[in-house]
């Protein structure tokens, strides 16, 4: 067997184009086609005719951050390094070398542009016939925020910090008391001054009888050692922390990311997190809508997700099957789906427990055993007695109604149903009819089979995002920046799914880039004219 010569260092007669070094079936070609379909003229207006060096092309930076997301590279420094070492990134940047700060600032300042790319993936997937939309599912997961559980403060601790600051703990005043008229070169070192400051804080703790967290001490030190601008920053941080604490209703607030919330994850651990929401097409696995919220539960996320899906798809036909887990079960959501004409599948708490294989106690006289007459708004007990609406009261700002009036005194099952010497009372709200209809649908064999699709639909995109794309924790802070990050990872997921679905068509993708740029429908027409590529 012959051995090839070692060609390292050998000169080429003509240097190749960077694009020649990239395989024709590389996903970067899809990135180029998608980004070419985005209008960035408005975004680039603010950079034109301004002093200084010319700004990098927004389109180039957009290609760069999307490709990095597909490759699960989230660090701006690592992305900047790739532009110098990786031929794919050299191709996408036109051999430009933006530094990490440029990349980081681009992601922070172009929320709308990155969101537009995500929407474009949905539009093009629909135009190419990748979406089926026979069944869509919504789900949420908790993703850890870029914040430490230890660097948090309660309302009482925030108030104590303000009291200490108001009493005055200026380092200059402390140095005047300790060192009098000594010159600067006669004063102790910076380290000694900090030590004096820490001792002063300890004196305050002992005098007040309140122990301060390390986070509180650090804030006080920053204020005491800082100039007027630093002091103003500290006070703004305290104001923002107090505002978010009051808004959240939780016991403590993070000082690193005020907008993060304490949430319990699937491992039953509580951590500062955000609630990630996605709506997914069952057959393709394409994410149709996504959002990040501060809500610890999913109850209020059904309507926003449906509206985002409608916006991204240009509407949802009546009768579309949609499924969610028990976290979305509420009377408000059930009525909303019926009014929208959506065929919803959501289990109540009892059905959710049964689906997990847990035994649920259900006596012969539980509320579910009482028939509900929607037309007459009354319950009928298993013994045929009628309970009508008699009273009304408010609970957590919502009206609740009490139903009673059955002849319980002569009922042989009174003790088992209502209790000795008592009458049976049922409490309900305005959504009893919707709850009953959903429960009946979920108990049917057809409903159970349809609901099984939910897990197949929405669980694996989260798995792909967390494990394959290595997105288990947000890097940025604040709800708006976090949403931009989330849009990037959902875009990466969609592009990878689309690329897999387009296997066999990749060789001509470069030729349809201009078609996609003009109109996604033209791209679909292109494939219609070339059936051998289907």
Protein backbone atom coordinates (compact mmCIF):
# COMPACT_ATOMS: atom_id res chain seq x y z
CA UNK A 1 0.00 0.00 0.00
CA UNK A 2 1.34 3.41 -0.98
CA UNK A 3 1.55 6.32 1.45
CA UNK A 4 0.47 9.81 0.50
CA UNK A 5 2.96 12.63 0.82
CA UNK A 6 2.67 14.95 3.79
CA UNK A 7 1.44 18.14 2.11
CA UNK A 8 1.66 20.42 5.11
CA UNK A 9 3.20 23.72 4.05
CA UNK A 10 2.67 23.05 0.35
CA UNK A 11 1.69 26.18 -1.60
CA UNK A 12 -1.50 26.27 -3.69
CA UNK A 13 -1.39 27.63 -7.19
CA UNK A 14 -4.62 29.58 -6.52
CA UNK A 15 -6.02 30.14 -3.03
CA UNK A 16 -9.47 28.52 -2.71
CA UNK A 17 -12.59 30.46 -1.72
CA UNK A 18 -13.63 29.81 1.88
CA UNK A 19 -17.01 28.60 0.62
CA UNK A 20 -15.25 25.84 -1.36
CA UNK A 21 -14.05 24.33 1.93
CA UNK A 22 -17.59 23.87 3.28
CA UNK A 23 -19.66 20.75 2.40
CA UNK A 24 -22.76 21.42 0.34
CA UNK A 25 -24.87 19.63 2.94
CA UNK A 26 -23.77 21.89 5.81
CA UNK A 27 -26.58 23.57 7.77
CA UNK A 28 -24.87 26.96 7.45
CA UNK A 29 -26.41 27.22 3.97
CA UNK A 30 -29.86 27.12 5.55
CA UNK A 31 -28.78 29.84 7.98
CA UNK A 32 -27.73 32.02 5.04
CA UNK A 33 -31.04 31.43 3.24
CA UNK A 34 -33.12 32.25 6.32
CA UNK A 35 -31.17 35.40 7.22
CA UNK A 36 -31.32 36.59 3.60
CA UNK A 37 -35.10 36.58 3.93
CA UNK A 38 -35.00 39.13 6.76
CA UNK A 39 -35.34 42.86 6.07
CA UNK A 40 -32.70 44.60 8.18
CA UNK A 41 -32.84 48.03 6.56
CA UNK A 42 -34.62 49.63 9.54
CA UNK A 43 -32.15 48.12 12.00
CA UNK A 44 -29.14 49.46 10.09
CA UNK A 45 -30.53 52.98 9.69
CA UNK A 46 -29.20 54.16 13.05
CA UNK A 47 -25.64 53.12 12.08
CA UNK A 48 -25.54 55.05 8.82
CA UNK A 49 -23.92 58.49 8.50
CA UNK A 50 -22.56 58.40 12.04
CA UNK A 51 -18.98 59.28 13.09
CA UNK A 52 -16.38 56.63 13.89
CA UNK A 53 -15.40 53.37 12.28
CA UNK A 54 -18.07 51.65 10.16
CA UNK A 55 -20.24 49.22 12.12
CA UNK A 56 -20.30 45.55 11.25
CA UNK A 57 -23.15 44.35 9.05
CA UNK A 58 -26.17 43.39 11.15
CA UNK A 59 -26.90 40.57 8.71
CA UNK A 60 -23.42 39.15 9.18
CA UNK A 61 -23.69 39.28 12.97
CA UNK A 62 -27.13 37.68 12.78
CA UNK A 63 -25.77 34.75 10.75
CA UNK A 64 -22.96 34.42 13.27
CA UNK A 65 -25.07 34.20 16.45
CA UNK A 66 -27.60 31.84 14.85
CA UNK A 67 -24.89 29.45 13.66
CA UNK A 68 -23.30 29.55 17.11
CA UNK A 69 -26.68 28.68 18.66
CA UNK A 70 -27.00 25.67 16.37
CA UNK A 71 -23.53 24.56 17.48
CA UNK A 72 -24.52 25.11 21.15
CA UNK A 73 -21.90 27.85 21.61
CA UNK A 74 -23.32 30.53 23.89
CA UNK A 75 -20.19 32.35 25.07
CA UNK A 76 -19.41 35.53 23.10
CA UNK A 77 -15.70 34.93 23.60
CA UNK A 78 -15.92 31.43 22.15
CA UNK A 79 -17.91 32.72 19.18
CA UNK A 80 -15.27 35.38 18.53
CA UNK A 81 -12.60 32.68 18.63
CA UNK A 82 -14.52 30.58 16.09
CA UNK A 83 -14.46 33.47 13.59
CA UNK A 84 -10.68 33.17 13.57
CA UNK A 85 -10.34 29.38 13.54
CA UNK A 86 -13.41 27.78 11.91
CA UNK A 87 -13.95 27.99 8.15
CA UNK A 88 -17.75 27.87 8.51
CA UNK A 89 -17.70 30.97 10.69
CA UNK A 90 -15.16 32.64 8.39
CA UNK A 91 -17.58 32.01 5.53
CA UNK A 92 -20.59 33.37 7.41
CA UNK A 93 -18.74 36.51 8.52
CA UNK A 94 -17.02 37.15 5.18
CA UNK A 95 -13.74 36.70 7.08
CA UNK A 96 -14.58 39.58 9.42
CA UNK A 97 -13.36 39.26 13.03
CA UNK A 98 -15.84 40.95 15.41
CA UNK A 99 -14.69 40.90 19.01
CA UNK A 100 -16.68 39.37 21.83
CA UNK A 101 -18.10 42.70 23.03
CA UNK A 102 -19.53 43.43 19.59
CA UNK A 103 -21.19 40.01 19.53
CA UNK A 104 -22.49 40.39 23.09
CA UNK A 105 -23.88 43.87 22.42
CA UNK A 106 -25.51 42.71 19.19
CA UNK A 107 -27.48 40.03 21.03
CA UNK A 108 -28.54 42.50 23.73
CA UNK A 109 -29.54 45.32 21.36
CA UNK A 110 -31.36 43.38 18.62
CA UNK A 111 -34.21 41.62 20.41
CA UNK A 112 -36.74 42.34 17.62
CA UNK A 113 -34.38 41.18 14.86
CA UNK A 114 -33.68 37.84 16.58
CA UNK A 115 -37.38 37.40 17.29
CA UNK A 116 -38.10 38.02 13.60
CA UNK A 117 -35.72 35.20 12.62
CA UNK A 118 -37.61 32.77 14.87
CA UNK A 119 -40.92 33.79 13.28
CA UNK A 120 -39.38 33.38 9.82
CA UNK A 121 -38.44 29.75 10.59
CA UNK A 122 -42.11 29.06 11.34
CA UNK A 123 -43.30 30.85 8.20
CA UNK A 124 -40.87 29.02 5.92
CA UNK A 125 -41.53 25.64 7.57
CA UNK A 126 -45.23 26.17 6.86
CA UNK A 127 -44.57 27.27 3.26
CA UNK A 128 -42.38 24.22 2.57
CA UNK A 129 -45.08 21.90 3.86
CA UNK A 130 -43.03 20.75 6.86
CA UNK A 131 -45.80 21.64 9.33
CA UNK A 132 -48.86 19.43 9.64
CA UNK A 133 -50.73 21.32 12.40
CA UNK A 134 -53.08 18.39 13.06
CA UNK A 135 -52.23 18.51 16.75
CA UNK A 136 -50.25 21.13 18.66
CA UNK A 137 -49.12 21.09 22.28
CA UNK A 138 -48.00 23.69 24.79
CA UNK A 139 -45.76 23.08 27.78
CA UNK A 140 -43.43 24.91 30.13
CA UNK A 141 -40.19 24.14 31.92
CA UNK A 142 -38.12 25.96 34.51
CA UNK A 143 -34.71 27.16 33.31
CA UNK A 144 -32.23 28.42 35.88
CA UNK A 145 -31.50 32.14 35.89
CA UNK A 146 -27.99 33.58 35.98
CA UNK A 147 -28.32 34.30 39.68
CA UNK A 148 -27.18 32.74 42.93
CA UNK A 149 -29.65 31.65 45.59
CA UNK A 150 -27.20 32.98 48.18
CA UNK A 151 -27.05 36.53 46.82
CA UNK A 152 -30.60 37.42 47.80
CA UNK A 153 -32.22 39.73 50.33
CA UNK A 154 -35.58 39.83 52.08
CA UNK A 155 -37.71 42.94 52.57
CA UNK A 156 -36.49 43.29 56.16
CA UNK A 157 -32.84 43.08 55.05
CA UNK A 158 -33.38 45.70 52.34
CA UNK A 159 -34.93 48.01 54.92
CA UNK A 160 -32.01 47.43 57.30
CA UNK A 161 -29.50 48.30 54.54
CA UNK A 162 -31.37 51.56 53.90
CA UNK A 163 -31.36 52.40 57.63
CA UNK A 164 -27.60 51.82 57.84
CA UNK A 165 -26.95 53.94 54.75
CA UNK A 166 -29.20 56.72 56.05
CA UNK A 167 -27.40 56.71 59.42
CA UNK A 168 -24.17 57.22 57.49
CA UNK A 169 -21.23 54.90 57.09
CA UNK A 170 -19.08 57.03 54.83
CA UNK A 171 -15.49 55.82 54.71
CA UNK A 172 -14.18 59.40 54.57
CA UNK A 173 -15.98 60.25 57.81
CA UNK A 174 -14.71 57.04 59.40
CA UNK A 175 -11.14 57.84 58.32
CA UNK A 176 -11.44 61.39 59.72
CA UNK A 177 -12.46 59.96 63.08
CA UNK A 178 -9.67 57.37 63.07
CA UNK A 179 -6.76 59.29 61.49
CA UNK A 180 -7.46 63.00 61.98
CA UNK A 181 -5.19 65.28 59.92
CA UNK A 182 -2.76 62.62 58.65
CA UNK A 183 -1.57 62.93 55.05
CA UNK A 184 -2.54 60.36 52.37
CA UNK A 185 0.91 58.74 52.47
CA UNK A 186 0.55 58.29 56.24
CA UNK A 187 -2.79 56.48 56.01
CA UNK A 188 -3.02 52.68 56.09
CA UNK A 189 -3.33 50.68 52.89
CA UNK A 190 -6.62 50.13 51.01
CA UNK A 191 -6.82 46.67 52.55
CA UNK A 192 -6.57 48.13 56.07
CA UNK A 193 -9.31 50.66 55.29
CA UNK A 194 -11.63 47.91 54.10
CA UNK A 195 -10.93 45.99 57.26
CA UNK A 196 -11.88 49.05 59.32
CA UNK A 197 -15.08 49.32 57.34
CA UNK A 198 -15.93 45.68 57.98
CA UNK A 199 -15.35 46.19 61.70
CA UNK A 200 -17.67 49.18 61.60
CA UNK A 201 -20.38 47.01 60.00
CA UNK A 202 -19.84 44.40 62.71
CA UNK A 203 -20.33 47.11 65.37
CA UNK A 204 -23.62 48.10 63.73
CA UNK A 205 -24.73 44.44 63.67
CA UNK A 206 -23.97 44.04 67.38
CA UNK A 207 -25.72 47.30 68.27
CA UNK A 208 -28.87 46.45 66.30
CA UNK A 209 -28.86 42.76 67.16
CA UNK A 210 -29.43 41.90 63.50
CA UNK A 211 -27.01 39.69 61.57
CA UNK A 212 -26.45 40.83 57.98
CA UNK A 213 -25.96 38.47 55.04
CA UNK A 214 -22.76 38.68 53.04
CA UNK A 215 -24.84 40.14 50.19
CA UNK A 216 -26.06 42.96 52.43
CA UNK A 217 -22.54 43.68 53.68
CA UNK A 218 -21.24 43.82 50.13
CA UNK A 219 -23.92 46.35 49.15
CA UNK A 220 -23.06 48.53 52.15
CA UNK A 221 -19.34 48.35 51.33
CA UNK A 222 -20.01 49.31 47.70
CA UNK A 223 -21.97 52.33 48.86
CA UNK A 224 -19.44 53.40 51.48
CA UNK A 225 -16.38 53.04 49.23
CA UNK A 226 -17.94 54.49 46.08
CA UNK A 227 -18.11 57.98 44.63
CA UNK A 228 -21.38 59.80 43.99
CA UNK A 229 -22.04 57.84 40.79
CA UNK A 230 -21.42 54.51 42.54
CA UNK A 231 -23.70 55.53 45.40
CA UNK A 232 -26.43 56.38 42.92
CA UNK A 233 -26.04 52.96 41.26
CA UNK A 234 -26.35 51.21 44.63
CA UNK A 235 -29.52 53.11 45.49
CA UNK A 236 -31.02 52.31 42.06
CA UNK A 237 -30.20 48.65 42.61
CA UNK A 238 -31.97 48.73 45.98
CA UNK A 239 -34.99 50.51 44.47
CA UNK A 240 -35.25 47.97 41.66
CA UNK A 241 -34.84 45.05 44.07
CA UNK A 242 -37.59 46.38 46.33
CA UNK A 243 -39.90 46.99 43.36
CA UNK A 244 -39.45 43.43 42.05
CA UNK A 245 -39.84 41.98 45.55
CA UNK A 246 -43.20 43.71 45.98
CA UNK A 247 -44.27 42.64 42.48
CA UNK A 248 -43.32 38.98 42.97
CA UNK A 249 -44.89 38.50 46.38
CA UNK A 250 -42.00 36.18 47.27
CA UNK A 251 -39.91 36.25 50.42
CA UNK A 252 -36.63 37.36 48.85
CA UNK A 253 -35.24 38.97 45.72
CA UNK A 254 -32.03 38.35 43.80
CA UNK A 255 -29.51 41.17 43.66
CA UNK A 256 -27.87 39.83 40.50
CA UNK A 257 -31.08 39.36 38.50
CA UNK A 258 -33.96 41.19 40.13
CA UNK A 259 -36.51 39.82 37.67
CA UNK A 260 -35.76 36.14 38.32
CA UNK A 261 -38.14 34.24 40.60
CA UNK A 262 -37.78 31.34 43.00
CA UNK A 263 -39.32 28.31 41.27
CA UNK A 264 -39.44 24.60 42.01
CA UNK A 265 -37.98 22.45 39.23
CA UNK A 266 -38.72 18.81 38.38
CA UNK A 267 -36.11 17.69 40.89
CA UNK A 268 -38.17 19.42 43.61
CA UNK A 269 -35.38 21.95 44.15
CA UNK A 270 -36.11 25.65 44.46
CA UNK A 271 -33.85 27.94 42.47
CA UNK A 272 -33.95 31.38 40.88
CA UNK A 273 -35.39 30.63 37.45
CA UNK A 274 -37.59 31.70 34.55
CA UNK A 275 -40.57 29.81 33.14
CA UNK A 276 -39.90 28.82 29.51
CA UNK A 277 -43.00 28.25 27.34
CA UNK A 278 -43.19 26.61 23.91
CA UNK A 279 -45.96 25.48 21.55
CA UNK A 280 -44.99 22.63 19.21
CA UNK A 281 -46.40 21.00 16.07
CA UNK A 282 -46.92 17.29 16.75
CA UNK A 283 -45.76 15.76 13.46
CA UNK A 284 -42.75 17.96 12.70
CA UNK A 285 -41.51 19.01 16.14
CA UNK A 286 -41.24 22.63 14.97
CA UNK A 287 -41.68 25.19 17.76
CA UNK A 288 -44.52 27.46 16.66
CA UNK A 289 -44.38 29.99 19.50
CA UNK A 290 -42.18 30.60 22.51
CA UNK A 291 -41.96 32.92 25.49
CA UNK A 292 -40.27 33.34 28.86
CA UNK A 293 -42.30 34.45 31.88
CA UNK A 294 -41.79 35.18 35.55
CA UNK A 295 -44.89 33.18 36.56
CA UNK A 296 -44.15 30.15 38.72
CA UNK A 297 -47.17 28.29 37.32
CA UNK A 298 -48.57 27.76 33.81
CA UNK A 299 -52.19 28.78 34.48
CA UNK A 300 -51.91 32.15 32.75
CA UNK A 301 -49.83 31.03 29.76
CA UNK A 302 -52.39 29.22 27.57
CA UNK A 303 -53.97 32.32 26.06
CA UNK A 304 -50.65 34.10 25.27
CA UNK A 305 -49.29 30.96 23.62
CA UNK A 306 -52.39 30.50 21.45
CA UNK A 307 -52.25 34.15 20.39
CA UNK A 308 -48.53 33.96 19.53
CA UNK A 309 -49.13 30.79 17.53
CA UNK A 310 -51.94 32.46 15.60
CA UNK A 311 -49.73 35.46 14.87
CA UNK A 312 -46.81 33.34 13.66
CA UNK A 313 -48.98 31.07 11.51
CA UNK A 314 -51.41 33.68 10.26
CA UNK A 315 -54.30 32.12 12.20
CA UNK A 316 -55.46 28.77 13.60
CA UNK A 317 -58.45 27.04 11.95
CA UNK A 318 -61.41 26.20 14.20
CA UNK A 319 -61.39 22.62 15.45
CA UNK A 320 -57.59 22.44 15.73
CA UNK A 321 -56.56 19.90 18.37
CA UNK A 322 -54.47 21.36 21.20
CA UNK A 323 -53.21 19.68 24.37
CA UNK A 324 -51.62 20.84 27.61
CA UNK A 325 -50.89 19.22 30.95
CA UNK A 326 -52.78 19.82 34.18
CA UNK A 327 -50.78 22.99 34.90
CA UNK A 328 -52.98 24.80 32.34
CA UNK A 329 -56.27 23.49 33.68
CA UNK A 330 -58.56 26.32 34.77
CA UNK A 331 -62.11 27.35 34.02
CA UNK A 332 -60.90 30.53 32.30
CA UNK A 333 -58.68 28.54 29.94
CA UNK A 334 -61.37 25.97 29.14
CA UNK A 335 -63.87 28.67 28.24
CA UNK A 336 -61.27 30.52 26.16
CA UNK A 337 -60.57 27.41 24.07
CA UNK A 338 -64.29 26.78 23.51
CA UNK A 339 -64.81 30.40 22.42
CA UNK A 340 -61.85 30.09 20.02
CA UNK A 341 -63.30 26.89 18.59
CA UNK A 342 -60.22 24.85 19.59
CA UNK A 343 -60.51 21.14 20.37
CA UNK A 344 -58.66 21.15 23.69
CA UNK A 345 -57.36 18.25 25.80
CA UNK A 346 -56.37 19.10 29.38
CA UNK A 347 -56.73 16.72 32.34
CA UNK A 348 -57.97 17.90 35.72
CA UNK A 349 -55.89 17.18 38.83
CA UNK A 350 -57.56 13.82 39.48
CA UNK A 351 -57.05 12.62 35.90
CA UNK A 352 -53.46 13.86 35.95
CA UNK A 353 -52.74 11.80 39.06
CA UNK A 354 -54.36 8.72 37.55
CA UNK A 355 -52.26 9.08 34.39
CA UNK A 356 -49.16 8.97 36.59
CA UNK A 357 -50.36 5.67 38.07
CA UNK A 358 -51.27 7.15 41.44
CA UNK A 359 -54.38 6.02 43.29
CA UNK A 360 -56.91 8.77 43.89
CA UNK A 361 -59.50 8.47 46.64
CA UNK A 362 -62.92 8.97 45.12
CA UNK A 363 -65.91 8.31 47.37
CA UNK A 364 -69.39 7.48 46.08
CA UNK A 365 -70.61 10.95 47.13
CA UNK A 366 -67.76 13.16 45.91
CA UNK A 367 -68.66 16.26 43.89
CA UNK A 368 -67.89 14.44 40.59
CA UNK A 369 -70.68 11.94 41.37
CA UNK A 370 -73.26 14.74 41.39
CA UNK A 371 -74.73 15.42 37.94
CA UNK A 372 -74.70 19.04 36.81
CA UNK A 373 -77.61 20.52 34.84
CA UNK A 374 -76.10 23.44 32.92
CA UNK A 375 -79.43 24.78 31.69
CA UNK A 376 -80.97 24.99 35.17
CA UNK A 377 -77.63 25.60 36.94
CA UNK A 378 -78.18 22.94 39.58
CA UNK A 379 -76.63 19.72 40.88
CA UNK A 380 -78.43 16.41 41.26
CA UNK A 381 -77.17 14.05 43.94
CA UNK A 382 -76.82 10.25 43.43
CA UNK A 383 -80.11 9.85 45.34
CA UNK A 384 -81.97 12.13 42.93
CA UNK A 385 -82.20 15.21 45.19
CA UNK A 386 -81.63 18.68 43.66
CA UNK A 387 -79.13 21.26 44.95
CA UNK A 388 -79.72 24.81 43.66
CA UNK A 389 -77.60 27.97 43.86
CA UNK A 390 -78.34 29.69 47.17
CA UNK A 391 -75.35 31.80 48.09
CA UNK A 392 -72.37 33.69 46.68
CA UNK A 393 -69.05 34.88 48.14
CA UNK A 394 -65.65 36.01 46.94
CA UNK A 395 -62.40 34.08 47.28
CA UNK A 396 -59.08 35.49 46.03
CA UNK A 397 -61.00 38.07 44.04
CA UNK A 398 -63.13 35.46 42.22
CA UNK A 399 -66.84 34.72 42.78
CA UNK A 400 -67.82 31.32 44.16
CA UNK A 401 -71.33 29.92 44.54
CA UNK A 402 -72.85 27.54 47.08
CA UNK A 403 -75.48 24.97 46.11
CA UNK A 404 -77.74 23.23 48.62
CA UNK A 405 -81.43 22.60 49.33
CA UNK A 406 -81.61 18.80 49.04
CA UNK A 407 -83.80 16.94 51.55
CA UNK A 408 -80.85 15.52 53.47
CA UNK A 409 -82.78 14.85 56.71
CA UNK A 410 -84.58 11.82 55.28
CA UNK A 411 -81.68 10.55 53.13
CA UNK A 412 -80.34 7.11 54.24
CA UNK A 413 -76.84 8.11 53.01
CA UNK A 414 -76.69 11.39 54.93
CA UNK A 415 -73.88 10.45 57.29
CA UNK A 416 -71.69 9.19 54.47
CA UNK A 417 -72.48 12.07 52.12
CA UNK A 418 -72.88 15.18 54.27
CA UNK A 419 -72.12 14.03 57.81
CA UNK A 420 -74.29 13.49 60.85
CA UNK A 421 -76.81 16.28 61.49
CA UNK A 422 -75.52 18.22 58.46
CA UNK A 423 -76.78 19.04 54.99
CA UNK A 424 -74.76 18.65 51.80
CA UNK A 425 -73.33 21.86 50.33
CA UNK A 426 -71.44 22.05 47.02
CA UNK A 427 -69.18 24.94 46.05
CA UNK A 428 -68.56 25.83 42.41
CA UNK A 429 -67.68 28.72 40.12
CA UNK A 430 -68.85 30.08 36.77
CA UNK A 431 -67.02 27.38 34.79
CA UNK A 432 -68.62 24.16 36.04
CA UNK A 433 -70.09 23.29 32.62
CA UNK A 434 -66.71 23.69 30.87
CA UNK A 435 -65.02 21.53 33.51
CA UNK A 436 -67.60 18.76 33.11
CA UNK A 437 -67.31 18.76 29.32
CA UNK A 438 -63.51 18.56 29.46
CA UNK A 439 -63.59 15.79 32.08
CA UNK A 440 -65.98 13.73 29.93
CA UNK A 441 -63.77 14.21 26.86
CA UNK A 442 -60.63 13.19 28.76
CA UNK A 443 -62.34 10.04 30.10
CA UNK A 444 -63.22 8.84 26.60
CA UNK A 445 -60.87 6.48 24.75
CA UNK A 446 -60.50 8.97 21.91
CA UNK A 447 -59.56 11.70 24.37
CA UNK A 448 -56.96 9.50 26.07
CA UNK A 449 -55.36 8.57 22.74
CA UNK A 450 -55.26 12.18 21.59
CA UNK A 451 -53.74 13.35 24.86
CA UNK A 452 -50.94 10.78 24.56
CA UNK A 453 -49.61 12.85 21.65
CA UNK A 454 -48.78 15.68 24.04
CA UNK A 455 -45.80 13.93 25.55
CA UNK A 456 -44.54 12.83 22.13
CA UNK A 457 -44.93 16.40 20.86
CA UNK A 458 -43.56 18.76 23.45
CA UNK A 459 -41.18 16.77 25.64
CA UNK A 460 -38.47 16.05 23.06
CA UNK A 461 -37.96 19.69 21.96
CA UNK A 462 -37.17 20.54 25.57
CA UNK A 463 -34.82 17.55 25.68
CA UNK A 464 -33.10 18.71 22.49
CA UNK A 465 -32.74 22.24 23.85
CA UNK A 466 -31.35 21.20 27.22
CA UNK A 467 -29.15 18.26 26.25
CA UNK A 468 -28.13 18.59 22.60
CA UNK A 469 -28.03 22.39 22.49
CA UNK A 470 -26.66 22.46 26.06
CA UNK A 471 -29.04 25.20 27.11
CA UNK A 472 -29.70 24.47 30.78
CA UNK A 473 -29.16 27.95 32.21
CA UNK A 474 -29.59 31.51 30.99
CA UNK A 475 -26.39 33.55 30.62
CA UNK A 476 -28.00 36.98 30.48
CA UNK A 477 -30.02 38.74 33.16
CA UNK A 478 -33.39 40.45 33.01
CA UNK A 479 -36.57 39.22 31.37
CA UNK A 480 -36.06 40.97 28.01
CA UNK A 481 -32.50 39.73 27.50
CA UNK A 482 -33.53 36.25 28.62
CA UNK A 483 -36.30 36.24 26.01
CA UNK A 484 -33.75 37.06 23.32
CA UNK A 485 -31.62 34.11 24.43
CA UNK A 486 -34.68 31.88 24.37
CA UNK A 487 -35.60 33.00 20.85
CA UNK A 488 -32.10 32.07 19.70
CA UNK A 489 -32.23 28.56 21.11
CA UNK A 490 -35.74 27.97 19.71
CA UNK A 491 -34.54 29.21 16.32
CA UNK A 492 -31.61 26.78 16.49
CA UNK A 493 -33.99 23.92 17.31
CA UNK A 494 -36.28 24.78 14.39
CA UNK A 495 -33.42 25.07 11.91
CA UNK A 496 -32.01 21.68 12.93
CA UNK A 497 -35.43 20.07 12.57
CA UNK A 498 -36.00 21.73 9.19
CA UNK A 499 -32.55 20.63 8.02
CA UNK A 500 -33.33 17.02 8.92
CA UNK A 501 -36.70 17.20 7.15
CA UNK A 502 -35.04 18.63 4.03
CA UNK A 503 -32.60 15.74 3.65
CA UNK A 504 -32.09 15.10 -0.07
CA UNK A 505 -32.76 18.74 -0.96
CA UNK A 506 -29.64 20.20 0.56
CA UNK A 507 -27.61 20.20 -2.66
CA UNK A 508 -29.88 22.83 -4.19
CA UNK A 509 -30.45 24.91 -1.07
CA UNK A 510 -27.99 27.55 -2.19
CA UNK A 511 -29.98 28.02 -5.40
CA UNK A 512 -33.23 28.67 -3.56
CA UNK A 513 -31.77 31.18 -1.14
CA UNK A 514 -32.91 34.09 -3.29
CA UNK A 515 -36.35 32.50 -3.66
CA UNK A 516 -36.72 32.24 0.09
CA UNK A 517 -35.53 35.83 0.41
CA UNK A 518 -38.30 37.03 -1.92
CA UNK A 519 -41.04 34.76 -0.66
CA UNK A 520 -41.25 31.45 1.15
CA UNK A 521 -44.13 30.50 -1.15
CA UNK A 522 -41.78 30.75 -4.14
CA UNK A 523 -39.46 28.27 -2.47
CA UNK A 524 -42.36 25.85 -2.17
CA UNK A 525 -43.15 26.39 -5.86
CA UNK A 526 -39.54 25.60 -6.68
CA UNK A 527 -39.85 22.16 -5.08
CA UNK A 528 -43.16 21.63 -6.88
CA UNK A 529 -41.35 22.14 -10.18
CA UNK A 530 -38.62 19.68 -9.14
CA UNK A 531 -40.47 16.60 -7.84
CA UNK A 532 -37.27 14.54 -7.89
CA UNK A 533 -36.04 16.65 -4.98
CA UNK A 534 -39.07 15.83 -2.78
